[in-house]
Amino acid sequence: MLYLIQRAGHFYFNRRVPEAFRKLDTRSTIRHALKTSDRKTALRLAIAYNDQLEAYWNTLSQTGQRHSEEQYKALVERAKVLGFSYHTNSSLAELPLQDIIRRLLYVEKENYNEKHVEAILGKSPAPAILLDQALLKYFDIAKDKTLYKSRNQLRKWENPRKKAMSNFMKCIGNKSLAELKRDDMMKFRDWWIGRVKTENLVTSSANKDLIYVKTIVSTVAENLKIDLDTEHIFKKLLLTGDDNKRRLPFETSFIVSTLLKPENLKGLNEQARWVLHAFAETGAGLNELTGLLTEDIILNTNIPHIHIRPRKGRSLKTKFRERMIPLVGYALDAFKACPNGFIEYHDRPDSLSGLINKYLSEHNLMPSEQHTIYSLRHSFQDRLLAVNTPDRIQADLMGHKFGRPRYGDGATLTHKYEWMQRVRLKN
């Protein structure tokens, strides 16, 4: 069998671990970059690599040892403790002669120890982690970041990172992390510059990909002790430029006279209409509004309000987003009509956003292309500014980080209610 696959013009050795060795080598598939786009060369290299791999499996079988990335990581740590950087024995010859001599002298004298020799002279090769494998390993390493996310939130968190790595591999191929160079990132940057120019894309799209790739590669390399100069590889890559696509707020008069005019919203279903009313009056995002449960909607009290908070299986965008918002005007009407929340769209903000944005666009209820439903949050912020709402209360209502040290519990519900009355849309 050839055990060859081709990705983006480059060949890779690709073989599943045989059933006979799976107890000793738990990897499902071995994939190794052959660093060539020539099929004949790739075939020759694949045969040689397969011979080495089978010899390795036979050694595991004879000794009863298991394949372990942890063993490699331990060697790297041991070498560091002894004052050396770890290099595999096959790469030692590339080091300066003075460094090689220093290593040999260290193990030749009274410091001779089998474990020291393994670490200083390089017993184990670095684990060949390819970019597609690195993404999966990153998701495993970063589990703490997704611990409280709902299924929808997890999907939205994973997808841009998957897209970034997919774009990266389209550009440079499915290389192993240990092979990454500064040139690879510059090639990816140039690839994105070309797309921004020819496809009328925004530079922020490119920068997001570059940041995600840096985070994934750096995290996995550090965790697996793969020797990568990430500071150099990823230095000063971000694109500059003004995307000029800032969301514009709706004018208050437009919201009242046009956007929320009952006859203009007849084509929307009832819950979508009520969400629009609640958003306009509170500035709370669709993901926050659709995440509310019955216990988060407190109506039978002197100051009716909603409590936006995280819970198991659902996180907030930042820790500052947890807050209580008094209900006035359109929002109070909306939650009286939907006291159990917007059940039809519970944790489905994307579906709701697409529905409302499409409806508003098709019915000429968007003043410009720079307006979306999210512009209502900007409008709410502008109304708070217009009446000189104190910074602390603005931050508490918007769910923003407060710029100065926080003392106490923040604004009371009564204080917030007083300012909400000043910016209410419905008289």
Protein backbone atom coordinates (compact mmCIF):
# COMPACT_ATOMS: atom_id res chain seq x y z
CA MET A 1 0.00 0.00 0.00
CA LEU A 2 1.20 3.54 -0.77
CA TYR A 3 -0.13 5.32 2.36
CA LEU A 4 -0.03 8.60 0.44
CA ILE A 5 -2.45 11.51 0.44
CA GLN A 6 -2.14 14.91 -1.22
CA ARG A 7 -3.25 18.20 0.32
CA ALA A 8 -2.83 21.61 -1.34
CA GLY A 9 -0.28 20.12 -3.76
CA HIS A 10 1.89 18.53 -1.05
CA PHE A 11 2.15 14.84 -0.19
CA TYR A 12 1.73 13.29 3.24
CA PHE A 13 2.29 9.82 4.60
CA ASN A 14 -1.05 8.68 6.05
CA ARG A 15 -1.65 5.32 7.73
CA ARG A 16 -4.02 4.00 10.35
CA VAL A 17 -2.39 2.25 13.29
CA PRO A 18 -2.81 -1.53 12.74
CA GLU A 19 -5.17 -3.31 15.10
CA ALA A 20 -2.28 -5.41 16.49
CA PHE A 21 -0.51 -2.32 17.84
CA ARG A 22 -3.43 -0.16 18.99
CA LYS A 23 -3.02 -1.07 22.65
CA LEU A 24 0.55 0.26 22.50
CA ASP A 25 0.01 3.17 20.12
CA THR A 26 -3.40 4.74 20.75
CA ARG A 27 -3.20 7.21 17.88
CA SER A 28 -5.85 6.44 15.29
CA THR A 29 -3.89 7.70 12.29
CA ILE A 30 -0.26 8.59 11.64
CA ARG A 31 0.15 11.53 9.30
CA HIS A 32 3.60 12.86 8.38
CA ALA A 33 4.50 15.72 6.03
CA LEU A 34 6.85 14.48 3.30
CA LYS A 35 7.73 18.05 2.23
CA THR A 36 7.43 17.43 -1.48
CA SER A 37 4.95 17.93 -4.30
CA ASP A 38 6.65 15.33 -6.52
CA ARG A 39 4.86 11.98 -6.46
CA LYS A 40 7.93 9.82 -7.16
CA THR A 41 9.89 11.49 -4.38
CA ALA A 42 6.90 11.21 -2.06
CA LEU A 43 6.59 7.48 -2.78
CA ARG A 44 10.26 6.88 -1.97
CA LEU A 45 10.01 8.86 1.27
CA ALA A 46 6.75 7.15 2.25
CA ILE A 47 8.31 3.68 1.85
CA ALA A 48 11.27 4.69 4.04
CA TYR A 49 9.02 6.28 6.64
CA ASN A 50 6.75 3.23 6.69
CA ASP A 51 9.77 0.97 7.34
CA GLN A 52 10.78 3.17 10.28
CA LEU A 53 7.25 3.19 11.61
CA GLU A 54 6.88 -0.58 11.48
CA ALA A 55 10.24 -0.98 13.19
CA TYR A 56 9.04 1.40 15.91
CA TRP A 57 5.83 -0.59 16.38
CA ASN A 58 7.79 -3.82 16.60
CA THR A 59 10.02 -2.26 19.26
CA LEU A 60 6.94 -1.24 21.26
CA SER A 61 5.63 -4.79 20.94
CA GLN A 62 8.89 -6.36 22.09
CA THR A 63 9.41 -4.02 25.05
CA GLY A 64 5.78 -3.59 26.04
CA GLN A 65 6.26 0.20 26.07
CA ARG A 66 3.49 2.50 24.91
CA HIS A 67 3.77 5.42 22.53
CA SER A 68 3.57 8.57 24.60
CA GLU A 69 3.68 12.26 23.86
CA GLU A 70 4.06 12.68 27.61
CA GLN A 71 7.43 10.92 27.43
CA TYR A 72 8.62 13.48 24.93
CA LYS A 73 7.33 16.37 27.07
CA ALA A 74 9.16 14.93 30.09
CA LEU A 75 12.43 14.84 28.14
CA VAL A 76 12.03 18.48 27.17
CA GLU A 77 11.46 19.47 30.79
CA ARG A 78 14.42 17.40 32.01
CA ALA A 79 16.75 18.98 29.44
CA LYS A 80 15.60 22.44 30.53
CA VAL A 81 16.33 21.66 34.20
CA LEU A 82 19.85 20.56 33.24
CA GLY A 83 20.46 23.80 31.39
CA PHE A 84 19.93 22.65 27.80
CA SER A 85 17.30 23.13 25.13
CA TYR A 86 15.93 19.80 23.88
CA HIS A 87 16.91 18.58 20.41
CA THR A 88 16.27 15.17 18.90
CA ASN A 89 19.38 13.13 18.18
CA SER A 90 18.75 13.56 14.45
CA SER A 91 18.86 17.36 14.76
CA LEU A 92 21.89 17.65 17.08
CA ALA A 93 24.26 17.81 14.10
CA GLU A 94 22.68 21.12 13.09
CA LEU A 95 23.73 22.75 16.39
CA PRO A 96 26.94 24.81 16.73
CA LEU A 97 29.96 22.62 17.41
CA GLN A 98 30.55 24.31 20.77
CA ASP A 99 27.04 23.34 21.93
CA ILE A 100 27.50 19.71 20.84
CA ILE A 101 30.82 19.48 22.71
CA ARG A 102 29.27 20.99 25.85
CA ARG A 103 26.52 18.36 25.79
CA LEU A 104 28.99 15.49 25.32
CA LEU A 105 31.26 16.74 28.09
CA TYR A 106 28.30 17.02 30.46
CA VAL A 107 27.25 13.38 30.05
CA GLU A 108 30.84 12.07 29.87
CA LYS A 109 31.83 13.26 33.34
CA GLU A 110 30.35 12.46 36.73
CA ASN A 111 26.95 13.58 35.49
CA TYR A 112 26.48 10.42 33.43
CA ASN A 113 22.97 9.17 33.90
CA GLU A 114 20.77 7.32 31.44
CA LYS A 115 17.93 9.81 31.90
CA HIS A 116 20.32 12.72 31.45
CA VAL A 117 21.65 11.23 28.23
CA GLU A 118 18.13 10.80 26.87
CA ALA A 119 17.31 14.44 27.58
CA ILE A 120 20.59 16.06 26.50
CA LEU A 121 21.37 13.92 23.45
CA GLY A 122 17.79 13.56 22.31
CA LYS A 123 16.15 10.17 22.65
CA SER A 124 12.66 10.91 21.33
CA PRO A 125 11.62 12.80 18.21
CA ALA A 126 9.15 15.63 18.62
CA PRO A 127 5.56 14.50 18.18
CA ALA A 128 4.49 15.24 14.60
CA ILE A 129 1.34 17.25 15.27
CA LEU A 130 -0.24 18.43 12.04
CA LEU A 131 -2.32 21.59 11.82
CA ASP A 132 -5.64 19.72 11.59
CA GLN A 133 -4.66 17.68 14.66
CA ALA A 134 -3.54 20.85 16.45
CA LEU A 135 -7.04 22.28 16.17
CA LEU A 136 -8.57 19.24 17.88
CA LYS A 137 -5.90 19.30 20.56
CA TYR A 138 -6.56 23.00 21.14
CA PHE A 139 -10.26 22.35 21.66
CA ASP A 140 -9.31 19.73 24.24
CA ILE A 141 -6.78 22.01 25.98
CA ALA A 142 -9.22 24.95 26.00
CA LYS A 143 -12.14 23.06 27.56
CA ASP A 144 -12.18 25.54 30.44
CA LYS A 145 -13.15 28.29 27.98
CA THR A 146 -16.25 26.41 26.85
CA LEU A 147 -17.30 24.83 30.13
CA TYR A 148 -20.52 26.82 30.52
CA LYS A 149 -21.41 27.44 26.89
CA SER A 150 -24.65 26.17 25.41
CA ARG A 151 -24.58 24.03 22.28
CA ASN A 152 -25.25 27.11 20.16
CA GLN A 153 -22.61 29.18 21.95
CA LEU A 154 -20.08 26.34 21.58
CA ARG A 155 -20.76 26.16 17.85
CA LYS A 156 -20.28 29.93 17.49
CA TRP A 157 -17.04 29.71 19.48
CA GLU A 158 -15.59 26.79 17.50
CA ASN A 159 -16.62 27.77 13.97
CA PRO A 160 -14.41 30.85 13.47
CA ARG A 161 -11.41 28.92 14.78
CA LYS A 162 -12.17 26.04 12.41
CA LYS A 163 -12.50 28.52 9.56
CA ALA A 164 -9.19 30.20 10.40
CA MET A 165 -7.28 26.90 10.48
CA SER A 166 -8.99 25.74 7.29
CA ASN A 167 -7.93 28.94 5.52
CA PHE A 168 -4.40 28.56 6.89
CA MET A 169 -4.14 24.99 5.58
CA LYS A 170 -5.54 26.04 2.19
CA CYS A 171 -2.69 28.52 2.01
CA ILE A 172 0.34 26.52 3.27
CA GLY A 173 -0.84 22.91 3.43
CA ASN A 174 -1.36 20.65 6.44
CA LYS A 175 2.13 21.08 7.88
CA SER A 176 3.29 19.84 11.25
CA LEU A 177 3.64 22.48 13.95
CA ALA A 178 7.35 21.80 14.32
CA GLU A 179 7.88 22.81 10.68
CA LEU A 180 6.14 26.19 10.86
CA LYS A 181 8.27 29.17 9.89
CA ARG A 182 7.85 32.94 9.74
CA ASP A 183 7.54 32.59 5.95
CA ASP A 184 4.38 30.49 6.39
CA MET A 185 2.66 33.27 8.33
CA MET A 186 3.80 35.91 5.86
CA LYS A 187 2.40 33.77 3.05
CA PHE A 188 -0.92 33.54 4.91
CA ARG A 189 -0.90 37.30 5.51
CA ASP A 190 -0.27 37.95 1.81
CA TRP A 191 -3.04 35.49 0.93
CA TRP A 192 -5.45 37.52 3.03
CA ILE A 193 -4.25 40.85 1.59
CA GLY A 194 -5.07 39.47 -1.85
CA ARG A 195 -8.58 38.50 -0.74
CA VAL A 196 -9.21 41.88 0.88
CA LYS A 197 -8.27 43.59 -2.39
CA THR A 198 -10.09 41.33 -4.85
CA GLU A 199 -13.16 40.27 -2.85
CA ASN A 200 -13.91 43.60 -1.13
CA LEU A 201 -13.46 42.02 2.31
CA VAL A 202 -12.63 43.85 5.52
CA THR A 203 -9.23 43.74 7.21
CA SER A 204 -10.84 42.68 10.48
CA SER A 205 -11.72 39.32 8.88
CA ALA A 206 -8.06 38.75 8.07
CA ASN A 207 -6.93 39.84 11.53
CA LYS A 208 -9.36 37.49 13.25
CA ASP A 209 -7.93 34.55 11.29
CA LEU A 210 -4.36 35.58 12.11
CA ILE A 211 -5.17 35.92 15.82
CA TYR A 212 -6.98 32.57 15.98
CA VAL A 213 -4.12 30.76 14.22
CA LYS A 214 -1.58 32.34 16.56
CA THR A 215 -3.58 31.38 19.66
CA ILE A 216 -4.13 27.78 18.53
CA VAL A 217 -0.56 27.13 17.39
CA SER A 218 1.05 28.84 20.40
CA THR A 219 -1.20 27.07 22.92
CA VAL A 220 -0.66 23.59 21.48
CA ALA A 221 3.09 24.09 20.98
CA GLU A 222 3.50 25.23 24.58
CA ASN A 223 1.33 22.44 25.96
CA LEU A 224 3.14 19.70 24.02
CA LYS A 225 6.61 21.25 24.50
CA ILE A 226 7.15 21.70 20.77
CA ASP A 227 10.10 24.02 20.23
CA LEU A 228 8.65 26.93 18.24
CA ASP A 229 9.78 30.54 18.33
CA THR A 230 6.19 31.80 18.32
CA GLU A 231 7.20 35.33 19.28
CA HIS A 232 9.18 35.63 16.03
CA ILE A 233 6.81 33.63 13.83
CA PHE A 234 3.74 35.72 14.72
CA LYS A 235 5.37 39.14 15.21
CA LYS A 236 3.54 42.16 13.69
CA LEU A 237 1.21 40.30 11.33
CA LEU A 238 -2.03 42.22 11.74
CA LEU A 239 -3.32 44.28 8.83
CA THR A 240 -3.95 47.98 9.27
CA GLY A 241 -6.72 49.95 7.61
CA ASP A 242 -10.12 51.46 8.29
CA ASP A 243 -12.90 49.00 7.42
CA ASN A 244 -15.41 51.87 7.56
CA LYS A 245 -18.25 49.51 8.41
CA ARG A 246 -19.16 50.69 11.89
CA ARG A 247 -22.77 50.02 12.83
CA LEU A 248 -24.83 53.19 12.96
CA PRO A 249 -27.48 53.79 15.65
CA PHE A 250 -31.12 54.33 14.77
CA GLU A 251 -32.41 57.82 15.46
CA THR A 252 -34.85 57.83 18.39
CA SER A 253 -37.58 59.44 16.28
CA PHE A 254 -37.14 56.75 13.62
CA ILE A 255 -37.50 53.94 16.20
CA VAL A 256 -40.77 55.32 17.55
CA SER A 257 -42.40 56.61 14.37
CA THR A 258 -41.25 53.95 11.90
CA LEU A 259 -39.36 50.93 13.20
CA LEU A 260 -41.83 49.97 15.93
CA LYS A 261 -44.93 51.24 14.18
CA PRO A 262 -47.46 48.34 14.48
CA GLU A 263 -48.50 48.32 10.82
CA ASN A 264 -44.84 48.10 9.75
CA LEU A 265 -44.33 44.89 11.76
CA LYS A 266 -47.47 42.99 10.77
CA GLY A 267 -45.47 40.45 8.81
CA LEU A 268 -43.36 39.41 11.81
CA ASN A 269 -44.57 36.68 14.13
CA GLU A 270 -45.71 37.78 17.59
CA GLN A 271 -42.64 36.74 19.58
CA ALA A 272 -40.25 38.31 17.09
CA ARG A 273 -42.17 41.58 17.41
CA TRP A 274 -42.00 41.48 21.20
CA VAL A 275 -38.24 40.77 21.12
CA LEU A 276 -37.77 43.80 18.88
CA HIS A 277 -39.69 45.94 21.39
CA ALA A 278 -37.64 44.61 24.33
CA PHE A 279 -34.35 45.16 22.49
CA ALA A 280 -35.22 48.74 21.55
CA GLU A 281 -36.09 49.70 25.14
CA THR A 282 -33.35 47.84 27.08
CA GLY A 283 -30.35 47.61 24.73
CA ALA A 284 -29.92 43.95 25.77
CA GLY A 285 -28.66 41.78 22.92
CA LEU A 286 -30.68 39.04 21.22
CA ASN A 287 -28.52 36.34 22.76
CA GLU A 288 -29.24 37.78 26.21
CA LEU A 289 -32.96 38.23 25.64
CA THR A 290 -33.49 34.77 24.12
CA GLY A 291 -31.52 33.19 26.97
CA LEU A 292 -33.88 34.44 29.67
CA LEU A 293 -35.89 31.89 31.65
CA THR A 294 -39.07 32.42 33.64
CA GLU A 295 -37.12 32.99 36.86
CA ASP A 296 -35.08 35.75 35.17
CA ILE A 297 -38.19 37.83 34.45
CA ILE A 298 -39.40 39.52 37.64
CA LEU A 299 -42.69 41.35 37.09
CA ASN A 300 -44.51 41.08 40.43
CA THR A 301 -42.43 43.70 42.23
CA ASN A 302 -42.24 47.47 42.70
CA ILE A 303 -39.65 47.73 39.91
CA PRO A 304 -40.23 45.05 37.23
CA HIS A 305 -36.88 43.93 35.80
CA ILE A 306 -34.96 41.20 34.04
CA HIS A 307 -31.86 39.47 35.41
CA ILE A 308 -29.29 38.58 32.77
CA ARG A 309 -26.96 36.00 34.29
CA PRO A 310 -24.84 32.95 33.37
CA ARG A 311 -25.86 29.43 34.25
CA LYS A 312 -24.59 25.94 33.63
CA GLY A 313 -24.75 25.25 29.91
CA ARG A 314 -24.91 28.93 29.00
CA SER A 315 -22.27 31.63 29.46
CA LEU A 316 -22.28 35.38 28.92
CA LYS A 317 -19.99 37.26 26.55
CA THR A 318 -18.02 38.75 29.46
CA LYS A 319 -18.27 38.67 33.24
CA PHE A 320 -19.54 42.26 33.14
CA ARG A 321 -22.66 41.27 31.18
CA GLU A 322 -24.44 39.94 34.26
CA ARG A 323 -26.86 42.69 35.27
CA MET A 324 -30.41 43.66 36.21
CA ILE A 325 -32.29 45.96 33.85
CA PRO A 326 -35.50 47.73 34.97
CA LEU A 327 -38.40 47.33 32.53
CA VAL A 328 -40.13 50.41 31.18
CA GLY A 329 -42.20 51.31 28.13
CA TYR A 330 -42.09 48.86 25.23
CA ALA A 331 -39.96 46.36 27.18
CA LEU A 332 -42.46 46.15 30.04
CA ASP A 333 -45.24 45.49 27.53
CA ALA A 334 -43.14 42.79 25.86
CA PHE A 335 -42.43 40.84 29.04
CA LYS A 336 -45.99 41.16 30.29
CA ALA A 337 -47.01 39.49 27.02
CA CYS A 338 -44.19 36.90 27.35
CA PRO A 339 -43.70 36.35 31.11
CA ASN A 340 -41.92 33.04 30.49
CA GLY A 341 -39.50 34.55 28.01
CA PHE A 342 -39.29 34.24 24.25
CA ILE A 343 -39.74 30.48 24.22
CA GLU A 344 -39.99 30.10 20.47
CA TYR A 345 -36.46 31.46 20.08
CA HIS A 346 -34.88 30.26 23.34
CA ASP A 347 -31.10 30.14 22.76
CA ARG A 348 -31.65 30.64 19.01
CA PRO A 349 -30.45 34.25 18.62
CA ASP A 350 -28.92 33.64 15.18
CA SER A 351 -32.19 32.40 13.70
CA LEU A 352 -34.04 35.34 15.20
CA SER A 353 -31.44 37.86 14.07
CA GLY A 354 -31.55 36.55 10.51
CA LEU A 355 -35.35 36.65 10.48
CA ILE A 356 -35.63 40.21 11.80
CA ASN A 357 -32.79 41.65 9.72
CA LYS A 358 -34.25 40.12 6.56
CA TYR A 359 -37.71 41.45 7.35
CA LEU A 360 -36.50 44.96 8.13
CA SER A 361 -34.40 45.08 4.96
CA GLU A 362 -37.16 43.77 2.71
CA HIS A 363 -39.63 46.33 4.14
CA ASN A 364 -37.23 49.29 3.84
CA LEU A 365 -36.94 49.69 7.60
CA MET A 366 -33.14 49.94 7.54
CA PRO A 367 -31.97 53.54 6.95
CA SER A 368 -28.64 52.32 5.48
CA GLU A 369 -26.47 49.24 4.92
CA GLN A 370 -24.65 50.12 8.13
CA HIS A 371 -27.80 49.52 10.17
CA THR A 372 -28.75 46.12 11.58
CA ILE A 373 -30.98 45.06 14.44
CA TYR A 374 -27.90 45.34 16.67
CA SER A 375 -27.93 49.09 15.97
CA LEU A 376 -30.64 49.25 18.64
CA ARG A 377 -27.98 48.63 21.29
CA HIS A 378 -26.00 51.59 19.98
CA SER A 379 -29.18 53.68 20.04
CA PHE A 380 -29.77 52.78 23.69
CA GLN A 381 -26.21 53.81 24.54
CA ASP A 382 -26.68 57.13 22.73
CA ARG A 383 -29.87 57.86 24.66
CA LEU A 384 -28.04 57.28 27.94
CA LEU A 385 -25.31 59.69 26.85
CA ALA A 386 -27.83 62.31 25.72
CA VAL A 387 -29.26 62.69 29.24
CA ASN A 388 -25.80 62.64 30.92
CA THR A 389 -26.34 59.30 32.66
CA PRO A 390 -23.48 58.73 35.16
CA ASP A 391 -20.71 56.49 33.79
CA ARG A 392 -21.21 53.88 36.50
CA ILE A 393 -24.92 53.52 35.71
CA GLN A 394 -24.24 53.43 31.96
CA ALA A 395 -21.77 50.57 32.49
CA ASP A 396 -24.20 48.71 34.75
CA LEU A 397 -27.05 48.98 32.23
CA MET A 398 -24.97 48.15 29.16
CA GLY A 399 -22.97 45.36 30.79
CA HIS A 400 -19.67 47.12 30.11
CA LYS A 401 -16.49 47.11 32.14
CA PHE A 402 -16.36 50.18 34.36
CA GLY A 403 -13.22 52.21 33.64
CA ARG A 404 -12.39 52.99 37.25
CA PRO A 405 -11.99 50.76 40.33
CA ARG A 406 -15.37 49.42 41.40
CA TYR A 407 -16.45 49.87 45.01
CA GLY A 408 -19.63 48.47 46.49
CA ASP A 409 -22.36 46.66 44.57
CA GLY A 410 -22.90 49.29 41.88
CA ALA A 411 -26.06 51.20 41.05
CA THR A 412 -29.21 50.07 42.81
CA LEU A 413 -32.26 48.96 40.84
CA THR A 414 -33.98 52.17 41.94
CA HIS A 415 -31.14 54.34 40.60
CA LYS A 416 -31.16 52.50 37.29
CA TYR A 417 -34.95 52.74 37.06
CA GLU A 418 -34.80 56.53 37.44
CA TRP A 419 -32.45 56.81 34.46
CA MET A 420 -34.36 54.25 32.41
CA GLN A 421 -37.43 56.46 32.78
CA ARG A 422 -35.48 59.37 31.29
CA VAL A 423 -34.50 57.41 28.15
CA ARG A 424 -37.71 55.41 27.64
CA LEU A 425 -39.13 55.35 24.13
CA LYS A 426 -42.79 54.80 24.91
CA ASN A 427 -44.55 57.58 26.79
